Protein backbone atom coordinates (compact mmCIF):
# COMPACT_ATOMS: atom_id res chain seq x y z
CA MET A 1 -13.88 154.44 142.28
CA ALA A 2 -13.83 153.05 138.72
CA GLU A 3 -13.38 149.69 137.76
CA PRO A 4 -10.41 148.46 136.44
CA VAL A 5 -10.89 148.31 132.61
CA ARG A 6 -10.27 144.57 131.68
CA VAL A 7 -11.64 142.06 129.10
CA ARG A 8 -14.55 140.35 129.34
CA ARG A 9 -14.63 136.75 130.06
CA LEU A 10 -13.68 134.69 127.49
CA THR A 11 -15.15 131.68 125.65
CA ASP A 12 -13.46 128.48 124.92
CA GLN A 13 -13.25 128.95 120.91
CA GLU A 14 -12.36 132.92 121.68
CA GLY A 15 -9.28 131.60 124.03
CA GLN A 16 -8.15 129.02 121.52
CA LYS A 17 -8.75 131.55 118.17
CA LEU A 18 -6.81 134.62 120.63
CA GLN A 19 -4.10 131.50 120.82
CA ARG A 20 -3.56 130.34 118.29
CA ILE A 21 -2.43 133.48 116.95
CA VAL A 22 -0.54 134.20 119.15
CA ARG A 23 1.58 130.70 118.80
CA ARG A 24 1.61 131.30 114.77
CA GLY A 25 2.86 134.94 114.93
CA GLY A 26 2.94 136.37 111.63
CA THR A 27 2.70 139.73 109.28
CA ASN A 28 -0.34 141.37 110.51
CA SER A 29 1.12 142.98 113.24
CA VAL A 30 -2.06 145.13 114.32
CA ARG A 31 -3.76 141.70 114.94
CA TYR A 32 -0.91 140.14 116.73
CA ARG A 33 -0.52 143.50 119.11
CA ARG A 34 -4.45 143.17 120.14
CA THR A 35 -4.70 139.66 120.59
CA MET A 36 -1.62 139.72 122.84
CA MET A 37 -3.20 142.79 125.32
CA LEU A 38 -6.87 140.73 124.94
CA LEU A 39 -4.85 137.71 126.24
CA ALA A 40 -2.73 139.87 129.39
CA SER A 41 -5.67 141.50 130.08
CA ALA A 42 -7.73 137.77 130.01
CA GLY A 43 -4.76 137.15 132.85
CA GLY A 44 -5.49 139.31 135.13
CA ASN A 45 -3.42 142.40 134.48
CA ARG A 46 -3.44 145.84 134.59
CA VAL A 47 -4.01 148.16 131.96
CA PRO A 48 -0.91 150.30 132.64
CA VAL A 49 1.44 146.92 133.09
CA ILE A 50 -0.51 145.70 129.76
CA ALA A 51 0.29 148.77 128.01
CA GLN A 52 4.08 148.30 129.30
CA LEU A 53 4.23 145.20 128.04
CA VAL A 54 3.17 145.87 124.14
CA GLN A 55 4.87 149.18 124.04
CA ALA A 56 1.88 151.41 123.36
CA ASP A 57 0.08 153.64 124.99
CA GLU A 58 -2.57 153.62 127.79
CA ASP A 59 -5.50 154.60 125.95
CA THR A 60 -4.83 152.73 122.80
CA VAL A 61 -5.49 149.49 124.95
CA ARG A 62 -8.64 150.76 126.68
CA ASP A 63 -9.96 151.44 123.24
CA VAL A 64 -8.99 147.98 122.50
CA ILE A 65 -10.88 146.22 125.30
CA HIS A 66 -13.77 148.24 124.93
CA LYS A 67 -14.29 147.29 121.57
CA PHE A 68 -13.37 143.60 121.61
CA ASN A 69 -16.04 143.25 124.34
CA GLU A 70 -19.06 144.65 121.98
CA SER A 71 -17.76 143.50 119.02
CA GLY A 72 -16.05 140.88 119.65
CA LEU A 73 -13.14 138.63 117.40
CA ALA A 74 -14.20 140.54 114.67
CA TRP A 75 -12.38 143.58 115.96
CA LEU A 76 -9.32 142.59 115.52
CA ASP A 77 -8.25 142.77 112.09
CA PRO A 78 -7.98 146.82 111.48
CA LYS A 79 -10.21 148.49 109.51
CA TRP A 80 -8.20 150.71 107.30
CA ALA A 81 -9.83 153.67 105.87
CA GLY A 82 -8.68 153.58 102.54
CA GLY A 83 -6.84 156.81 101.83
CA ARG A 84 -7.30 159.96 100.43
CA PRO A 85 -11.01 159.41 98.85
CA ARG A 86 -11.21 159.84 95.05
CA GLN A 87 -11.39 163.73 93.00
CA LEU A 88 -12.16 162.29 90.23
CA GLY A 89 -14.93 160.13 89.40
CA SER A 90 -15.39 157.73 86.17
CA ASP A 91 -17.18 160.67 84.16
CA ASP A 92 -14.17 162.39 84.54
CA GLU A 93 -11.82 160.25 83.51
CA ASP A 94 -13.45 159.70 80.63
CA PHE A 95 -14.10 163.25 79.93
CA VAL A 96 -9.65 163.41 80.05
CA ILE A 97 -8.93 160.58 78.07
CA GLN A 98 -11.04 162.93 75.46
CA THR A 99 -9.15 165.50 76.00
CA ALA A 100 -5.89 164.18 75.87
CA THR A 101 -7.08 161.92 72.38
CA THR A 102 -8.20 165.09 71.00
CA ARG A 103 -5.68 167.34 69.10
CA PRO A 104 -5.03 170.54 70.97
CA ALA A 105 -5.91 172.94 67.85
CA LYS A 106 -9.49 171.82 67.72
CA LEU A 107 -9.36 172.94 71.48
CA GLY A 108 -8.13 176.77 70.65
CA GLU A 109 -5.01 175.62 71.73
CA PRO A 110 -2.19 177.50 69.62
CA PHE A 111 0.34 174.11 69.63
CA THR A 112 -0.16 170.90 67.40
CA ARG A 113 0.34 168.24 70.36
CA TRP A 114 -0.47 168.29 74.23
CA SER A 115 2.47 167.55 76.88
CA ILE A 116 1.42 166.46 80.76
CA ARG A 117 1.97 169.98 81.64
CA LYS A 118 -0.13 171.74 79.31
CA LEU A 119 -3.16 169.03 79.74
CA ALA A 120 -3.27 169.36 82.89
CA ASP A 121 -3.26 173.33 82.81
CA HIS A 122 -5.92 172.99 80.29
CA LEU A 123 -7.90 171.07 82.42
CA ARG A 124 -8.07 172.79 84.93
CA ARG A 125 -8.36 176.71 83.04
CA ASN A 126 -11.42 174.24 81.38
CA ILE A 127 -14.62 176.90 82.16
CA THR A 128 -17.66 174.37 81.12
CA ARG A 129 -15.97 171.40 82.83
CA PRO A 130 -12.91 172.31 85.09
CA VAL A 131 -10.67 169.03 86.12
CA ARG A 132 -7.95 169.93 89.19
CA ILE A 133 -5.06 166.64 88.78
CA GLY A 134 -2.01 166.62 89.02
CA ARG A 135 0.67 165.78 86.51
CA GLU A 136 2.10 162.78 88.43
CA ALA A 137 -1.84 161.47 88.58
CA LEU A 138 -2.83 162.58 85.23
CA ARG A 139 -0.06 160.03 83.82
CA CYS A 140 -0.61 157.31 85.72
CA LEU A 141 -4.80 157.49 84.48
CA LEU A 142 -3.36 157.58 80.80
CA LEU A 143 -1.07 154.51 81.50
CA ARG A 144 -3.98 152.90 83.03
CA ARG A 145 -6.18 153.72 80.53
CA GLY A 146 -4.19 152.43 77.31
CA ILE A 147 -2.83 156.51 76.36
CA THR A 148 0.88 155.89 75.20
CA PHE A 149 3.00 159.31 73.78
CA GLN A 150 3.63 157.91 70.13
CA ARG A 151 4.65 158.90 66.97
CA SER A 152 1.99 160.52 64.40
CA LYS A 153 2.06 157.77 60.89
CA THR A 154 1.28 159.86 57.33
CA TRP A 155 -0.41 157.46 54.49
CA LYS A 156 -1.67 159.12 51.14
CA GLU A 157 -5.61 158.85 51.16
CA SER A 158 -6.66 157.14 47.55
CA SER A 159 -8.38 159.30 45.58
CA ASP A 160 -9.93 157.13 43.12
CA PRO A 161 -13.11 157.15 42.32
CA HIS A 162 -13.28 153.47 41.51
CA PHE A 163 -11.57 152.67 44.82
CA ASP A 164 -13.96 150.20 45.81
CA ALA A 165 -14.06 148.75 42.22
CA LYS A 166 -10.64 148.10 41.55
CA LEU A 167 -10.28 146.00 44.45
CA ASP A 168 -13.18 144.13 44.33
CA ARG A 169 -12.04 143.24 40.60
CA ILE A 170 -8.22 141.85 41.92
CA GLU A 171 -9.79 140.27 44.94
CA TYR A 172 -11.85 138.17 42.58
CA ALA A 173 -8.88 137.15 40.49
CA ILE A 174 -6.53 136.68 43.78
CA ASN A 175 -9.30 134.31 45.53
CA GLU A 176 -11.70 133.07 42.82
CA ARG A 177 -8.86 132.67 40.00
CA PRO A 178 -5.16 132.35 41.78
CA ASP A 179 -4.00 129.94 39.03
CA ARG A 180 -4.79 132.60 36.40
CA THR A 181 -3.37 135.67 38.49
CA PHE A 182 -0.09 137.60 38.58
CA ALA A 183 1.46 140.33 39.95
CA PHE A 184 3.92 142.35 38.23
CA ASP A 185 5.54 145.32 39.00
CA GLU A 186 9.50 146.95 39.16
CA PHE A 187 11.84 147.63 41.69
CA GLY A 188 14.53 150.19 42.13
CA PRO A 189 16.22 151.71 41.15
CA LEU A 190 19.32 149.73 42.23
CA GLY A 191 22.81 151.12 42.69
CA ILE A 192 25.84 150.14 43.30
CA ARG A 193 27.13 150.32 46.67
CA PRO A 194 27.35 149.60 49.77
CA THR A 195 24.55 148.71 51.59
CA ALA A 196 23.69 148.14 55.47
CA GLY A 197 22.13 145.51 57.37
CA SER A 198 22.82 143.12 60.07
CA CYS A 199 24.96 140.39 60.32
CA TRP A 200 25.85 138.05 63.20
CA ALA A 201 29.82 139.52 65.08
CA LYS A 202 31.42 139.50 68.13
CA GLN A 203 29.34 142.10 70.11
CA GLY A 204 31.39 145.61 69.94
CA ARG A 205 33.29 144.60 66.20
CA PRO A 206 30.29 144.82 63.71
CA ASP A 207 30.63 143.49 60.15
CA ARG A 208 32.20 147.20 58.11
CA LEU A 209 31.48 148.17 54.78
CA PRO A 210 33.64 150.56 53.36
CA ALA A 211 31.88 153.70 51.58
CA THR A 212 31.58 155.14 48.17
CA TYR A 213 31.78 158.62 46.89
CA HIS A 214 32.27 158.04 43.41
CA ARG A 215 29.64 155.62 41.74
CA THR A 216 30.04 155.17 37.64
CA HIS A 217 27.73 152.15 37.61
CA GLY A 218 24.15 154.01 37.38
CA ALA A 219 21.45 151.51 38.02
CA THR A 220 18.96 149.74 36.78
CA TYR A 221 15.94 147.92 37.72
CA PHE A 222 14.28 144.99 38.68
CA HIS A 223 11.24 143.72 36.83
CA GLY A 224 9.60 141.37 38.57
CA CYS A 225 6.44 138.82 38.05
CA TYR A 226 5.02 136.78 40.33
CA SER A 227 1.81 134.07 40.45
CA VAL A 228 -0.17 134.18 42.85
CA GLY A 229 -1.09 130.05 42.46
CA ASP A 230 2.57 128.89 41.87
CA ASP A 231 3.80 130.79 44.22
CA THR A 232 6.65 131.65 42.01
CA LEU A 233 8.72 134.46 41.73
CA TRP A 234 10.73 135.55 38.28
CA GLY A 235 12.32 138.63 36.73
CA VAL A 236 15.53 140.31 34.80
CA ASN A 237 17.80 143.52 36.04
CA ARG A 238 16.98 145.85 33.11
CA ARG A 239 18.89 149.34 33.00
CA HIS A 240 15.37 151.91 31.86
CA LYS A 241 11.79 151.06 33.42
CA GLY A 242 9.69 151.92 30.26
CA ALA A 243 6.63 150.60 28.05
CA GLY A 244 9.11 148.02 26.00
CA GLN A 245 10.64 146.83 29.35
CA SER A 246 7.06 146.37 30.62
CA LEU A 247 5.56 144.96 27.78
CA ALA A 248 8.20 142.14 27.54
CA ALA A 249 7.80 140.95 31.22
CA LEU A 250 3.87 140.92 30.67
CA LYS A 251 5.31 138.59 28.03
CA SER A 252 7.13 136.09 30.12
CA ILE A 253 3.76 136.48 32.23
CA ARG A 254 1.66 134.87 29.46
CA ALA A 255 4.29 132.27 28.57
CA PRO A 256 3.50 130.22 31.09
CA ARG A 257 -0.33 129.85 30.19
CA PRO A 258 -0.03 129.30 26.26
CA ASP A 259 -3.96 127.70 26.49
CA GLY A 260 -4.97 130.92 24.99
CA ALA A 261 -7.25 130.85 28.97
CA PRO A 262 -7.53 134.62 29.52
CA ILE A 263 -5.19 135.54 32.19
CA TYR A 264 -5.54 138.33 35.23
CA VAL A 265 -2.03 140.91 35.71
CA VAL A 266 -1.99 142.68 39.00
CA LEU A 267 0.02 145.91 38.45
CA ASP A 268 0.34 149.51 39.10
CA ASN A 269 -0.47 152.75 38.22
CA LEU A 270 2.70 153.72 36.15
CA SER A 271 2.35 155.15 32.94
CA ALA A 272 4.70 152.91 31.15
CA HIS A 273 2.14 150.35 32.00
CA LYS A 274 -1.03 151.91 30.43
CA GLY A 275 0.85 152.05 27.13
CA SER A 276 -1.18 151.44 23.80
CA LYS A 277 0.85 148.66 22.94
CA ILE A 278 -0.18 146.97 25.90
CA SER A 279 -3.39 147.87 25.86
CA GLN A 280 -3.98 146.23 22.02
CA TRP A 281 -1.51 143.28 22.99
CA ALA A 282 -3.41 142.89 26.20
CA ARG A 283 -6.56 142.84 24.34
CA ARG A 284 -4.95 140.28 21.57
CA ASN A 285 -3.71 137.64 24.28
CA LYS A 286 -6.68 137.59 26.86
CA VAL A 287 -4.58 139.49 29.42
CA ASN A 288 -7.15 141.20 31.76
CA LEU A 289 -5.06 143.59 33.06
CA CYS A 290 -6.18 144.50 36.89
CA PHE A 291 -4.74 148.44 37.98
CA THR A 292 -4.42 149.13 41.60
CA PRO A 293 -6.31 152.23 42.31
CA THR A 294 -4.47 155.51 42.72
CA ASN A 295 -2.17 155.76 45.64
CA ALA A 296 -2.64 151.84 46.83
CA SER A 297 -0.21 149.93 45.21
CA TRP A 298 0.46 148.29 49.00
CA ALA A 299 -3.19 146.40 46.58
CA ASN A 300 -1.04 144.40 44.06
CA PRO A 301 0.53 140.72 45.78
CA ILE A 302 3.81 141.51 44.67
CA GLU A 303 4.64 144.10 47.06
CA ALA A 304 5.01 141.94 50.38
CA HIS A 305 7.85 139.76 48.30
CA PHE A 306 9.97 142.48 47.20
CA GLY A 307 10.26 143.35 50.96
CA PRO A 308 12.69 139.55 51.90
CA LEU A 309 14.38 140.43 48.06
CA ARG A 310 15.41 143.87 49.61
CA GLN A 311 16.82 142.49 52.84
CA PHE A 312 18.24 138.87 51.33
CA THR A 313 20.46 140.48 48.50
CA LEU A 314 20.82 143.69 49.02
CA ALA A 315 20.54 144.31 52.91
CA ASN A 316 24.68 144.15 54.32
CA SER A 317 25.66 143.61 50.47
CA HIS A 318 28.82 145.08 48.54
CA HIS A 319 28.39 144.00 44.95
CA PRO A 320 31.42 145.09 42.70
CA ASN A 321 29.49 146.12 39.77
CA HIS A 322 25.74 145.00 38.23
CA THR A 323 26.01 141.31 36.65
CA VAL A 324 27.80 139.86 40.21
CA GLN A 325 24.77 142.03 41.79
CA THR A 326 22.31 140.27 39.21
CA ARG A 327 23.72 137.22 39.67
CA GLU A 328 23.36 136.85 43.02
CA LEU A 329 19.74 138.40 42.83
CA HIS A 330 18.92 135.51 40.30
CA ARG A 331 20.49 132.54 42.67
CA TYR A 332 18.16 134.28 45.58
CA LEU A 333 14.73 133.68 43.42
CA ARG A 334 15.97 130.02 42.66
CA TRP A 335 16.26 129.48 46.36
CA ARG A 336 13.18 131.47 47.20
CA ASN A 337 10.69 129.18 44.90
CA ARG A 338 12.89 125.84 45.55
CA ASN A 339 11.50 126.70 49.62
CA ALA A 340 8.55 129.10 49.50
CA ARG A 341 7.89 127.58 52.20
CA HIS A 342 10.84 128.77 54.10
CA PRO A 343 10.55 129.86 58.16
CA ASP A 344 12.58 132.89 57.24
CA LEU A 345 11.08 134.08 54.15
CA LEU A 346 7.72 133.77 55.78
CA ALA A 347 8.33 135.84 58.50
CA ALA A 348 10.27 138.24 56.09
CA GLN A 349 6.87 138.56 54.29
CA ARG A 350 4.88 138.71 57.28
CA ARG A 351 6.61 141.64 58.66
CA GLU A 352 7.01 143.75 55.16
CA ARG A 353 3.02 142.75 55.25
CA ALA A 354 2.80 144.29 58.68
CA ARG A 355 4.76 146.99 57.46
CA ILE A 356 2.52 147.99 54.51
CA ARG A 357 -0.81 147.56 56.90
CA SER A 358 0.72 149.71 59.51
CA GLU A 359 1.41 152.65 57.37
CA LYS A 360 -1.63 152.40 55.33
CA GLY A 361 -3.84 150.81 58.52
CA ILE A 362 -5.54 148.31 56.52
CA ARG A 363 -6.02 145.26 56.03
CA TRP A 364 -3.53 143.77 52.57
CA GLY A 365 -5.58 142.97 49.67
CA GLY A 366 -8.78 144.36 51.52
CA ARG A 367 -10.81 147.43 51.73
CA PRO A 368 -10.59 149.35 55.20
CA SER A 369 -13.73 149.32 57.52
CA PRO A 370 -16.28 152.02 56.96
CA ARG A 371 -15.44 153.49 60.47
CA ARG A 372 -11.75 153.31 59.64
CA ARG A 373 -12.07 155.31 56.63
CA GLU A 374 -14.69 158.25 57.91
CA THR A 375 -11.87 159.09 60.59
CA ASN A 376 -9.03 159.02 57.90
CA LEU A 377 -11.08 161.54 55.69
């Protein structure tokens, strides 16, 4: 007759260890139940009694006792199997990410974007490198690797052959001669109509502005001038924008520097800025006109200041006529020049610069990295 299965003689250290586990309990139920089986066996209980005590199968009790006799206390902690083995290696995951970030048309598919289902089907049917992955596993993989579903953005790539030279000239004026660098641009058209915006109000009771259908006031254009060194913004509203109005604005820029030293004016490529009268006047008065590259008016430093101008004077407004609108705009300009470092104003300028950077994909006032430019091309 075979001897009954029982635990070997415990050492003093093993007995104290098992006793501490039973007294303290714990969240590891497998470890706790195995300890109970060993202590019960060490106390002289047979396997059927121990199985009834811990509500386990007799074969399980025998396996625990045999394993402890062979391995000691190391057998108390469960050895989890780790779940299903990985079906995708790191190379396969990289291939999935590369496919997901490639336009489907380049891979011979008749659509412009992937869905999770289409991407999983394409990976499964790939002849050269088939990858079998479920839709939920694919979604989790994309999220884990930082690939999200986003809206595409568009911008105009500058076709100016002198793109870098013009940007270099603007950067030189802004960085090396800021006290003699100015910017000029038009903002508009400005109509007389209620303009939606945002303001503080009780929840569910937003501020409401009336709608207008007959707009008989016409439009005006704000001709803005900005001094880079002094961080000062000024301008005037006019009914039209043309060579005469642009020349008047340039003269207002030349007036604060009557010492005859050359100044730099950054402006875009509007035809009204390139007339013969403006060119002749600029040569006589030592005004260096720094034109932005074609389709790159974002390089003009005044663009970042038009965002706060729009936010604080036009948004959430209901001006009755152009006279009131112009008066409110000039009130803002006076406040802005007195509080050029106001946190709200700086935050609005940062948001405008961020909007310009997101549209163009490059740093404001700089040039794109060679890698970004090659990607755009």
